[in-house]
Protein backbone atom coordinates (compact mmCIF):
# COMPACT_ATOMS: atom_id res chain seq x y z
CA MET A 1 0.00 0.00 0.00
CA THR A 2 1.40 3.35 -1.00
CA GLN A 3 1.78 5.78 1.85
CA THR A 4 1.28 9.47 1.22
CA ARG A 5 4.40 11.41 2.05
CA LYS A 6 3.51 14.31 4.26
CA ARG A 7 5.29 17.52 3.31
CA VAL A 8 5.24 20.31 5.82
CA VAL A 9 5.30 23.65 4.08
CA ARG A 10 6.87 26.43 6.11
CA ARG A 11 6.70 30.11 5.36
CA PHE A 12 9.84 31.67 6.76
CA ASN A 13 9.30 33.45 10.08
CA TRP A 14 11.73 36.36 10.27
CA ARG A 15 11.85 36.36 14.08
CA LYS A 16 13.03 32.76 14.11
CA PHE A 17 15.14 33.45 11.05
CA ALA A 18 17.03 36.18 12.89
CA LEU A 19 18.48 33.57 15.23
CA PHE A 20 20.51 32.24 12.33
CA CYS A 21 21.50 35.51 10.68
CA ALA A 22 24.98 35.73 12.18
CA SER A 23 26.23 34.04 9.03
CA ALA A 24 26.42 35.95 5.78
CA VAL A 25 25.77 32.75 3.88
CA LEU A 26 22.19 32.45 5.10
CA LEU A 27 20.68 33.52 1.81
CA VAL A 28 22.88 31.61 -0.60
CA THR A 29 20.72 28.56 -1.22
CA LEU A 30 17.48 30.42 -1.76
CA ALA A 31 19.02 33.27 -3.69
CA VAL A 32 20.65 30.84 -6.07
CA ALA A 33 17.37 28.97 -6.37
CA ALA A 34 15.68 32.24 -7.27
CA GLY A 35 17.93 32.69 -10.24
CA LEU A 36 17.61 29.07 -11.25
CA TYR A 37 14.08 29.23 -12.41
CA ALA A 38 13.03 32.73 -13.32
CA PHE A 39 9.68 32.16 -14.91
CA LEU A 40 6.75 33.70 -16.78
CA GLY A 41 3.72 34.53 -14.66
CA GLY A 42 2.96 34.60 -10.95
CA LEU A 43 3.50 32.06 -8.22
CA HIS A 44 0.67 30.99 -5.93
CA THR A 45 0.39 28.75 -2.90
CA PRO A 46 -0.34 25.20 -4.11
CA GLY A 47 -3.81 23.88 -3.47
CA GLY A 48 -5.08 20.44 -2.53
CA GLY A 49 -4.88 17.13 -4.36
CA GLN A 50 -1.37 16.35 -3.17
CA ALA A 51 -0.25 13.01 -4.60
CA ALA A 52 1.99 10.50 -2.85
CA GLY A 53 5.71 10.65 -3.48
CA ARG A 54 8.46 8.20 -2.60
CA ASP A 55 9.09 7.80 1.09
CA HIS A 56 12.75 8.75 1.57
CA PRO A 57 14.65 8.73 4.85
CA GLN A 58 15.76 12.14 6.06
CA PRO A 59 19.30 12.70 4.72
CA THR A 60 21.96 13.29 7.32
CA LYS A 61 23.78 16.61 7.28
CA HIS A 62 26.71 15.30 5.29
CA GLU A 63 24.78 13.26 2.72
CA PRO A 64 24.07 14.64 -0.77
CA ILE A 65 20.66 16.24 -1.33
CA ASN A 66 18.55 16.97 -4.40
CA VAL A 67 16.28 20.00 -4.46
CA LEU A 68 13.48 20.53 -6.97
CA VAL A 69 13.08 24.20 -7.87
CA LEU A 70 9.61 25.00 -9.19
CA GLY A 71 8.24 28.09 -10.87
CA LEU A 72 4.51 28.13 -11.60
CA ASP A 73 2.52 29.94 -14.22
CA VAL A 74 -0.93 31.45 -13.64
CA GLY A 75 -3.62 28.79 -13.82
CA ASP A 76 -6.22 31.16 -15.30
CA VAL A 77 -4.68 34.12 -17.11
CA ASP A 78 -7.95 36.09 -17.08
CA ASN A 79 -8.53 35.42 -13.38
CA PRO A 80 -5.17 34.68 -11.69
CA ASN A 81 -6.73 34.58 -8.22
CA SER A 82 -9.32 31.95 -9.16
CA GLY A 83 -7.36 29.09 -7.63
CA ALA A 84 -7.21 27.24 -10.96
CA PRO A 85 -4.52 24.50 -11.16
CA GLU A 86 -1.05 25.87 -11.85
CA ARG A 87 1.43 24.27 -14.24
CA SER A 88 5.15 24.38 -13.54
CA ASP A 89 6.61 26.91 -15.95
CA THR A 90 10.11 25.77 -15.05
CA MET A 91 11.63 22.76 -13.27
CA ILE A 92 15.24 22.54 -12.21
CA VAL A 93 16.89 19.92 -10.04
CA ALA A 94 19.83 21.20 -8.00
CA SER A 95 22.15 18.78 -6.20
CA LEU A 96 24.55 19.55 -3.35
CA ASP A 97 27.11 17.23 -1.75
CA PRO A 98 28.24 18.96 1.48
CA GLU A 99 31.01 16.45 2.09
CA LYS A 100 32.63 16.74 -1.35
CA LYS A 101 31.65 20.39 -1.83
CA GLN A 102 30.15 19.53 -5.22
CA ALA A 103 26.96 20.78 -6.83
CA GLY A 104 25.16 20.56 -10.14
CA MET A 105 21.98 21.76 -11.80
CA LEU A 106 19.80 20.14 -14.44
CA SER A 107 17.05 22.10 -16.20
CA ILE A 108 13.98 20.15 -17.32
CA PRO A 109 12.14 21.81 -20.25
CA ARG A 110 8.48 22.37 -19.42
CA ASP A 111 7.35 20.59 -22.60
CA SER A 112 9.23 17.36 -21.77
CA ARG A 113 7.06 14.39 -22.75
CA VAL A 114 7.08 12.06 -19.72
CA SER A 115 5.01 9.52 -17.83
CA ILE A 116 3.04 11.18 -15.01
CA PRO A 117 1.98 8.66 -12.33
CA GLY A 118 -1.75 8.04 -12.54
CA ARG A 119 -2.13 10.31 -15.56
CA GLY A 120 -0.24 8.66 -18.40
CA THR A 121 2.00 10.41 -20.92
CA ASP A 122 1.87 14.21 -20.90
CA LYS A 123 3.99 17.34 -20.66
CA ILE A 124 5.88 17.47 -17.38
CA CYS A 125 4.56 20.98 -16.69
CA HIS A 126 1.09 19.47 -16.16
CA ALA A 127 2.18 17.27 -13.24
CA HIS A 128 1.81 20.08 -10.70
CA ALA A 129 -1.63 21.04 -12.06
CA TYR A 130 -2.80 17.43 -11.69
CA GLY A 131 -1.45 16.69 -8.23
CA GLY A 132 0.48 19.59 -6.74
CA THR A 133 4.03 19.52 -5.47
CA ASP A 134 4.05 15.83 -4.54
CA LEU A 135 3.03 14.63 -7.99
CA ALA A 136 5.56 16.97 -9.59
CA ILE A 137 8.23 15.45 -7.33
CA ARG A 138 7.19 11.87 -8.09
CA THR A 139 7.27 12.59 -11.81
CA VAL A 140 10.78 14.01 -11.64
CA GLU A 141 11.97 11.14 -9.43
CA ASN A 142 10.66 8.59 -11.93
CA LEU A 143 12.18 10.47 -14.85
CA LEU A 144 15.66 10.87 -13.37
CA ASN A 145 15.65 7.86 -10.99
CA ILE A 146 16.95 9.90 -8.06
CA PRO A 147 15.27 10.96 -4.80
CA ILE A 148 14.05 14.54 -4.39
CA HIS A 149 14.56 15.55 -0.77
CA TYR A 150 13.39 19.17 -0.76
CA TYR A 151 11.65 21.74 -2.94
CA VAL A 152 11.78 25.53 -3.24
CA LYS A 153 9.37 28.00 -4.86
CA ILE A 154 9.69 31.75 -5.24
CA ASN A 155 7.37 34.47 -6.48
CA TYR A 156 8.78 36.30 -9.50
CA GLN A 157 8.11 39.66 -7.84
CA GLY A 158 10.33 38.45 -5.04
CA LEU A 159 13.06 37.76 -7.55
CA ARG A 160 12.87 41.35 -8.80
CA ASN A 161 13.04 42.68 -5.25
CA LEU A 162 15.93 40.36 -4.43
CA VAL A 163 17.98 41.58 -7.38
CA ASP A 164 17.31 45.21 -6.48
CA ALA A 165 18.28 44.58 -2.86
CA LEU A 166 21.58 43.10 -4.02
CA GLY A 167 22.28 46.23 -6.09
CA GLY A 168 21.74 44.47 -9.41
CA VAL A 169 23.36 41.54 -11.19
CA HIS A 170 26.31 41.77 -13.60
CA ILE A 171 25.38 40.13 -16.92
CA ASP A 172 27.06 40.12 -20.32
CA VAL A 173 24.03 40.19 -22.65
CA SER A 174 24.91 38.35 -25.86
CA GLU A 175 22.36 40.02 -28.14
CA ASP A 176 19.93 42.93 -28.33
CA MET A 177 16.61 41.99 -26.76
CA HIS A 178 13.56 43.86 -28.01
CA TYR A 179 9.99 42.59 -27.70
CA THR A 180 6.58 44.17 -27.20
CA ASP A 181 3.34 42.45 -26.19
CA ARG A 182 0.85 45.21 -25.42
CA ALA A 183 -1.98 42.76 -24.72
CA GLY A 184 0.15 40.85 -22.22
CA GLY A 185 1.77 43.97 -20.78
CA LEU A 186 5.28 42.74 -21.61
CA TYR A 187 7.90 45.19 -22.85
CA ILE A 188 11.51 44.06 -23.24
CA ASP A 189 14.25 46.49 -24.19
CA ILE A 190 17.84 45.46 -23.40
CA GLU A 191 20.94 46.28 -25.39
CA ALA A 192 23.74 43.76 -25.90
CA GLY A 193 26.92 44.00 -23.83
CA PRO A 194 28.16 43.82 -20.23
CA GLN A 195 25.88 45.64 -17.78
CA VAL A 196 24.26 45.59 -14.36
CA LEU A 197 20.63 44.53 -14.55
CA ASN A 198 18.18 45.78 -11.92
CA GLY A 199 15.18 43.69 -10.90
CA GLU A 200 12.97 44.87 -13.75
CA LYS A 201 15.64 44.32 -16.40
CA ALA A 202 16.57 40.97 -14.90
CA GLU A 203 12.99 39.81 -15.34
CA GLU A 204 13.03 41.02 -18.95
CA PHE A 205 16.29 39.17 -19.54
CA LEU A 206 14.80 35.95 -18.19
CA ARG A 207 11.45 36.25 -19.96
CA PHE A 208 12.89 37.05 -23.39
CA ARG A 209 12.31 34.32 -25.97
CA ASP A 210 13.71 34.66 -29.46
CA ARG A 211 12.39 32.74 -32.44
CA ALA A 212 15.65 30.96 -33.15
CA THR A 213 16.21 29.28 -29.78
CA GLY A 214 12.78 29.52 -28.08
CA ASP A 215 12.53 27.97 -24.61
CA LEU A 216 15.97 26.39 -24.95
CA GLY A 217 17.60 29.80 -25.27
CA ARG A 218 15.62 30.99 -22.28
CA ILE A 219 16.95 28.08 -20.21
CA GLU A 220 20.51 28.98 -21.21
CA ARG A 221 19.89 32.53 -19.99
CA GLN A 222 18.52 31.18 -16.72
CA GLN A 223 21.72 29.20 -16.28
CA GLN A 224 23.83 32.27 -17.05
CA PHE A 225 21.78 34.31 -14.62
CA VAL A 226 22.05 31.89 -11.72
CA ARG A 227 25.83 31.97 -11.88
CA ALA A 228 25.80 35.76 -11.89
CA LEU A 229 23.28 35.92 -9.05
CA ALA A 230 25.31 33.48 -7.00
CA GLU A 231 28.41 35.66 -7.42
CA GLU A 232 26.48 38.64 -6.06
CA VAL A 233 25.20 36.63 -3.09
CA PHE A 234 28.69 35.39 -2.26
CA SER A 235 30.14 38.91 -2.25
CA ALA A 236 31.23 40.43 1.07
CA SER A 237 28.73 43.29 0.82
CA THR A 238 25.83 40.82 1.22
CA LEU A 239 26.52 40.67 4.96
CA PHE A 240 25.09 44.16 5.44
CA LYS A 241 21.96 43.36 3.43
CA ILE A 242 20.83 40.27 5.35
CA PRO A 243 17.82 41.86 7.15
CA GLU A 244 16.35 43.30 3.93
CA LEU A 245 17.02 40.14 1.93
CA GLY A 246 15.52 38.04 4.72
CA ARG A 247 12.26 39.99 4.61
CA ILE A 248 12.07 39.59 0.83
CA ILE A 249 12.58 35.85 1.09
CA SER A 250 10.07 35.59 3.94
CA ASP A 251 7.36 37.15 1.76
CA ASN A 252 8.07 35.29 -1.46
CA VAL A 253 9.63 31.88 -0.82
CA GLU A 254 7.94 28.58 -0.02
CA THR A 255 9.94 25.47 0.93
CA ASN A 256 9.82 22.31 3.04
CA MET A 257 13.30 23.03 4.42
CA THR A 258 13.72 24.33 7.94
CA ALA A 259 15.66 27.51 8.67
CA ALA A 260 18.40 25.43 10.33
CA GLN A 261 18.72 23.24 7.22
CA ILE A 262 18.97 26.30 5.00
CA VAL A 263 21.77 27.72 7.14
CA PHE A 264 23.70 24.45 7.00
CA TYR A 265 23.34 23.87 3.26
CA ALA A 266 23.98 27.53 2.47
CA ASN A 267 27.22 27.32 4.39
CA ALA A 268 28.14 24.13 2.52
CA ALA A 269 27.33 25.79 -0.80
CA ARG A 270 29.93 28.45 -0.16
CA GLY A 271 32.63 25.83 -0.68
CA VAL A 272 31.42 24.97 -4.19
CA ASN A 273 33.51 26.20 -7.12
CA LEU A 274 30.85 27.90 -9.24
CA SER A 275 33.11 28.15 -12.27
CA THR A 276 33.30 24.36 -12.59
CA MET A 277 29.79 23.49 -11.41
CA PRO A 278 27.92 21.63 -14.21
CA VAL A 279 24.72 23.37 -15.33
CA GLU A 280 22.91 21.59 -18.15
CA MET A 281 19.53 21.03 -19.78
CA LEU A 282 17.95 17.58 -19.89
CA VAL A 283 19.13 15.85 -23.04
CA GLY A 284 16.56 15.51 -25.83
CA ILE A 285 15.17 17.01 -29.03
CA ASP A 286 12.20 19.14 -30.18
CA ARG A 287 9.42 17.26 -31.94
CA TYR A 288 5.78 17.77 -32.92
CA ILE A 289 3.33 14.94 -32.14
CA ASN A 290 -0.25 15.42 -33.34
CA GLU A 291 0.57 19.11 -33.92
CA ILE A 292 1.68 19.56 -30.30
CA SER A 293 5.23 20.63 -29.52
CA TYR A 294 7.15 18.37 -27.13
CA TRP A 295 10.68 17.99 -25.80
CA ILE A 296 11.44 14.31 -26.39
CA VAL A 297 13.79 13.13 -23.66
CA ASP A 298 16.68 10.96 -24.84
CA GLU A 299 16.09 8.16 -22.35
CA ALA A 300 19.27 6.32 -23.39
CA GLN A 301 21.38 9.31 -22.31
CA VAL A 302 19.51 10.46 -19.19
CA ALA A 303 21.26 8.10 -16.77
CA GLU A 304 24.71 9.22 -17.92
CA GLN A 305 23.75 12.90 -17.73
CA VAL A 306 22.24 12.57 -14.26
CA ALA A 307 25.31 10.70 -13.06
CA ARG A 308 27.67 13.33 -14.39
CA VAL A 309 25.73 16.52 -13.58
CA LEU A 310 23.87 15.68 -10.37
CA LEU A 311 25.75 12.74 -8.88
CA GLY A 312 29.30 13.74 -9.80
CA ILE A 313 30.22 10.31 -11.16
CA ASN A 314 33.53 9.98 -13.05
CA ARG A 315 33.13 7.62 -16.02
CA GLU A 316 36.87 7.32 -16.62
CA ALA A 317 37.48 6.08 -13.08
CA ASN A 318 34.50 3.76 -13.30
CA ARG A 319 35.99 1.72 -16.14
CA ALA A 320 38.37 0.08 -13.67
CA ILE A 321 35.44 -1.26 -11.59
CA SER A 322 33.81 -4.56 -12.58
CA LEU A 323 30.16 -5.33 -11.80
CA GLU A 324 27.72 -8.19 -12.07
CA VAL A 325 24.03 -7.43 -12.22
CA LEU A 326 21.55 -10.08 -11.06
CA ASN A 327 17.77 -10.11 -11.42
CA GLY A 328 16.23 -10.70 -8.01
CA SER A 329 12.80 -9.33 -8.89
CA GLY A 330 11.59 -11.90 -11.41
CA SER A 331 10.63 -9.12 -13.82
CA PRO A 332 11.96 -9.97 -17.32
CA GLY A 333 14.76 -7.69 -18.46
CA ALA A 334 15.18 -5.92 -15.10
CA ALA A 335 18.86 -6.81 -14.73
CA GLY A 336 19.58 -5.87 -18.34
CA ASP A 337 18.02 -2.44 -17.89
CA VAL A 338 20.14 -1.71 -14.81
CA ALA A 339 23.26 -3.11 -16.48
CA ARG A 340 22.81 -0.76 -19.43
CA GLN A 341 22.38 2.17 -17.06
CA LEU A 342 25.58 1.30 -15.21
CA GLN A 343 27.45 0.67 -18.45
CA SER A 344 26.47 4.12 -19.66
CA MET A 345 28.24 5.49 -16.59
CA GLY A 346 31.45 3.79 -17.61
CA TYR A 347 31.37 0.68 -15.40
CA THR A 348 32.64 -2.65 -16.76
CA ILE A 349 29.82 -5.21 -16.71
CA ASN A 350 31.09 -8.79 -16.32
CA THR A 351 27.81 -10.65 -15.86
CA VAL A 352 24.08 -10.10 -16.36
CA SER A 353 22.05 -13.00 -15.00
CA ASN A 354 19.42 -14.13 -12.47
CA ALA A 355 19.87 -14.15 -8.70
CA SER A 356 19.43 -17.35 -6.71
CA ASN A 357 15.78 -16.41 -6.15
CA PHE A 358 13.22 -13.77 -7.13
CA ASP A 359 12.21 -12.75 -3.61
CA TYR A 360 14.03 -9.43 -3.50
CA ASP A 361 11.54 -6.64 -2.80
CA VAL A 362 14.42 -4.24 -2.12
CA SER A 363 17.56 -4.02 -4.24
CA GLU A 364 20.94 -4.51 -2.63
CA ILE A 365 24.65 -4.27 -3.34
CA ILE A 366 27.32 -6.74 -2.23
CA TYR A 367 30.93 -5.64 -2.63
CA SER A 368 34.35 -7.27 -2.31
CA TYR A 369 36.03 -7.12 1.07
CA ASP A 370 38.92 -4.96 -0.17
CA MET A 371 36.79 -2.72 -2.41
CA SER A 372 36.83 1.03 -1.80
CA LEU A 373 33.66 1.98 0.09
CA GLU A 374 33.61 5.34 -1.67
CA ALA A 375 33.41 3.63 -5.07
CA VAL A 376 30.63 1.36 -3.80
CA GLU A 377 28.64 4.31 -2.50
CA GLU A 378 28.86 5.97 -5.91
CA VAL A 379 27.16 2.94 -7.48
CA ALA A 380 24.54 2.80 -4.72
CA LYS A 381 23.81 6.49 -5.06
CA SER A 382 23.42 6.31 -8.84
CA LEU A 383 20.77 3.55 -8.48
CA ASN A 384 19.14 4.92 -5.32
CA ILE A 385 20.00 1.72 -3.43
CA THR A 386 20.37 1.98 0.35
CA ARG A 387 21.10 -1.67 1.27
CA VAL A 388 24.87 -2.23 0.96
CA ILE A 389 26.67 -5.36 2.23
CA ARG A 390 30.39 -6.13 2.49
CA ALA A 391 31.35 -9.67 1.44
CA PRO A 392 33.49 -11.90 3.71
CA GLU A 393 37.25 -11.49 3.28
CA GLN A 394 37.87 -14.97 1.83
CA GLU A 395 34.86 -15.11 -0.49
CA GLU A 396 35.63 -15.61 -4.18
CA ARG A 397 33.68 -13.21 -6.35
CA GLN A 398 32.91 -12.75 -10.04
CA ALA A 399 33.19 -8.96 -9.88
CA ASP A 400 34.13 -6.10 -7.58
CA ILE A 401 30.49 -5.22 -7.00
CA THR A 402 27.29 -7.27 -7.30
CA VAL A 403 23.99 -5.47 -7.85
CA ILE A 404 20.87 -7.51 -7.09
CA VAL A 405 17.86 -5.83 -8.70
CA GLY A 406 14.73 -5.93 -6.55
CA LEU A 407 11.15 -4.89 -7.22
CA ASP A 408 11.89 -1.32 -6.10
CA LEU A 409 13.93 -0.74 -9.28
CA VAL A 410 11.31 -2.23 -11.62
CA GLY A 411 8.91 -0.03 -13.57
């Protein structure tokens, strides 16, 4: 029986927040998230109909986390306060490994054609409209095969205020941006070249969509913007702006993270080298199906991209590690599917076969006695396996690591 994961949504309380404001890094995580998903339209508090997501154990402070950043469009353009279901205008998954001081970000185009649990095949932006934050999370988890631990949402007006409070963001605009939509009240007028964008101009920069690159070009600008915004947040002058920035965040940000968690992860994020942090868009191509535009995800390449961008897996180093993959679920082809995923990450696959029985509800990993635990944990993390067993010292083995595929990795 599927259990509904309860997600406690907290609006930041500035009085409690002030207890943690001794550190200048307090705003890093949310400020970066703000830049990650600048979006078109307003953000509203999600309504009912929350669907069940995977039940994940609470990560410890030093374990990697994945955060889903959501920006929502207006459900009913003519009546934005009607409470109509809101689609996610933008989805981005941000990962952070506090121990290794690594991070990565993967943008998911809103038109990605995916399987939405209980709804069938549809655009991923509809998942939130169908079942709120939890269904959006489940859909992303199924697509990327990684756990989503936390989520963050921000109102676009809050993003404008945040940029203004920081004194603007330095951006090198690659082309002239001119666009007028009188009916929609959108006027964009930005010249090419290096400049400091205030909140209003930052929104224009992020909303601009040219005919040549469309939404893909907009995602690239989002990625450029988040780096620039992060640099502003990390600057020494931010220390003196904490009270004002805190009030802006309090009014415009929604998350299931506690203030203490934000402080910890923000501090960890300061150790990340932003210049080398991978920021990519989910691999795929544009295609029309029944006259509807979709982003067709390249499923054969997703596992490798997730491993590289979000999990920090080194394919070159993985070639020296041998694996055997055994089907313990009884589902035809289950071991082969996992073996192909691991092979795409660079691992050497020695054997693909059946386990001694098909009674494995939960997948597990067994590794050689003298095998590096760090290398084993990389495999476990890439498959979202939590049961890891060390083999006896004298046991003869067919590979460095054995993966037994249970029912939890099927379907």
